[in-house]
Protein backbone atom coordinates (compact mmCIF):
# COMPACT_ATOMS: atom_id res chain seq x y z
CA MET A 1 -11.43 5.08 10.50
CA ALA A 2 -10.74 4.79 7.18
CA ASP A 3 -11.95 1.76 5.33
CA THR A 4 -9.59 -0.98 4.00
CA ALA A 5 -11.70 -1.37 0.68
CA GLU A 6 -12.98 2.26 0.23
CA PHE A 7 -8.43 2.74 0.36
CA PHE A 8 -8.39 -0.03 -3.07
CA ASP A 9 -11.59 0.60 -4.72
CA LYS A 10 -12.08 4.36 -4.25
CA PHE A 11 -8.97 6.22 -2.99
CA MET A 12 -5.94 4.55 -4.77
CA PRO A 13 -7.39 4.95 -8.19
CA GLU A 14 -8.45 7.77 -7.69
CA LYS A 15 -5.07 9.36 -6.59
CA LEU A 16 -3.29 7.59 -9.69
CA ILE A 17 -5.76 10.00 -11.70
CA ALA A 18 -4.80 12.88 -10.16
CA LYS A 19 -0.78 12.53 -9.90
CA PRO A 20 -0.24 10.96 -12.47
CA ASP A 21 3.74 11.09 -12.26
CA LEU A 22 3.54 9.00 -8.68
CA ALA A 23 3.56 5.79 -10.38
CA ALA A 24 7.02 7.12 -11.56
CA SER A 25 8.69 8.08 -9.33
CA VAL A 26 7.86 4.61 -7.12
CA ASN A 27 8.38 2.62 -9.96
CA ALA A 28 7.52 -1.09 -7.91
CA VAL A 29 4.74 -3.10 -7.65
CA PHE A 30 3.64 -3.73 -3.89
CA GLN A 31 1.03 -7.11 -2.62
CA PHE A 32 -0.72 -5.99 0.52
CA ASP A 33 -1.98 -8.46 2.41
CA ILE A 34 -3.74 -7.08 5.29
CA THR A 35 -5.12 -10.25 7.50
CA GLY A 36 -9.25 -10.38 8.20
CA ALA A 37 -9.79 -8.11 5.14
CA GLY A 38 -8.39 -9.61 1.86
CA VAL A 39 -4.99 -9.12 -0.16
CA TRP A 40 -4.30 -5.97 -2.84
CA THR A 41 -2.49 -5.33 -5.30
CA ILE A 42 -0.83 -1.42 -5.71
CA ASP A 43 1.33 -1.70 -9.57
CA LEU A 44 3.18 1.69 -9.52
CA ALA A 45 5.81 -0.39 -12.72
CA THR A 46 3.28 0.32 -14.98
CA PRO A 47 2.53 3.14 -16.83
CA GLY A 48 0.00 5.11 -14.68
CA GLY A 49 -0.49 2.63 -12.32
CA ALA A 50 -2.75 0.62 -11.27
CA VAL A 51 -4.80 -0.76 -8.62
CA LYS A 52 -6.61 -4.85 -7.80
CA GLU A 53 -7.62 -6.77 -5.55
CA GLY A 54 -5.60 -10.03 -5.40
CA PRO A 55 -2.20 -10.55 -5.28
CA ALA A 56 0.46 -9.66 -7.47
CA GLU A 57 2.84 -12.27 -10.26
CA THR A 58 5.67 -10.51 -9.45
CA PRO A 59 6.18 -8.22 -6.06
CA GLY A 60 8.82 -6.01 -5.15
CA CYS A 61 7.74 -6.15 -1.69
CA VAL A 62 4.56 -7.85 0.17
CA ILE A 63 3.23 -5.65 3.31
CA THR A 64 1.28 -7.85 5.59
CA VAL A 65 -0.41 -6.09 8.65
CA ALA A 66 -3.27 -6.38 10.38
CA LYS A 67 -6.57 -4.69 9.18
CA ALA A 68 -7.13 -2.81 12.46
CA ASP A 69 -3.74 -1.69 12.39
CA TRP A 70 -3.84 -1.25 8.43
CA GLU A 71 -6.68 1.70 8.93
CA LYS A 72 -5.10 3.22 12.10
CA MET A 73 -2.21 3.56 9.70
CA LEU A 74 -4.26 5.29 6.89
CA ASP A 75 -5.72 7.51 9.18
CA ASN A 76 -1.37 8.45 10.27
CA PRO A 77 0.47 7.04 7.86
CA SER A 78 3.32 8.59 10.50
CA TYR A 79 2.04 5.64 12.70
CA ALA A 80 3.52 3.27 9.78
CA MET A 81 7.53 3.35 11.49
CA GLN A 82 5.31 2.17 14.88
CA LEU A 83 3.85 -0.83 13.68
CA PHE A 84 6.96 -1.66 11.87
CA MET A 85 9.28 -1.64 14.71
CA THR A 86 6.84 -3.65 16.52
CA GLY A 87 6.51 -6.04 13.99
CA LYS A 88 3.21 -5.48 13.31
CA LEU A 89 3.53 -4.60 9.96
CA LYS A 90 5.94 -6.63 8.44
CA ALA A 91 7.53 -5.47 4.51
CA SER A 92 9.30 -8.07 2.71
CA ASN A 93 11.90 -5.64 1.25
CA VAL A 94 12.19 -2.35 3.75
CA GLY A 95 13.66 -0.11 0.88
CA LEU A 96 9.95 0.02 -0.77
CA ALA A 97 8.58 -0.01 1.75
CA MET A 98 10.11 3.30 2.32
CA GLN A 99 8.25 4.81 -0.71
CA LEU A 100 4.51 4.31 1.05
CA GLN A 101 5.04 7.78 2.05
CA LYS A 102 4.48 9.03 -0.96
CA ILE A 103 1.58 6.51 -1.61
CA LEU A 104 -0.48 7.11 1.82
CA ALA A 105 0.00 10.54 1.62
């Protein structure tokens, strides 16, 4: 199973370096409230993108999900739709939440 802290501390920063066009293609700020793990922000509105622990000042989309479900989703991104449909994953902006495939893939 994937690790939440490793995703935000290592995987995403490395992905942003490897894919510098990712931020511009999404152009939004996501706040992830991972119940049982913490809060992180992925800022893809900033050139090159940025990842930080803590809440965003003005998130375009807030994702709320339990740690166990989030880590299952990291291993299998297609699981996100099932989590959303069953109410286990909540998104404040569904349109932006659809961009998660670009982030997680």
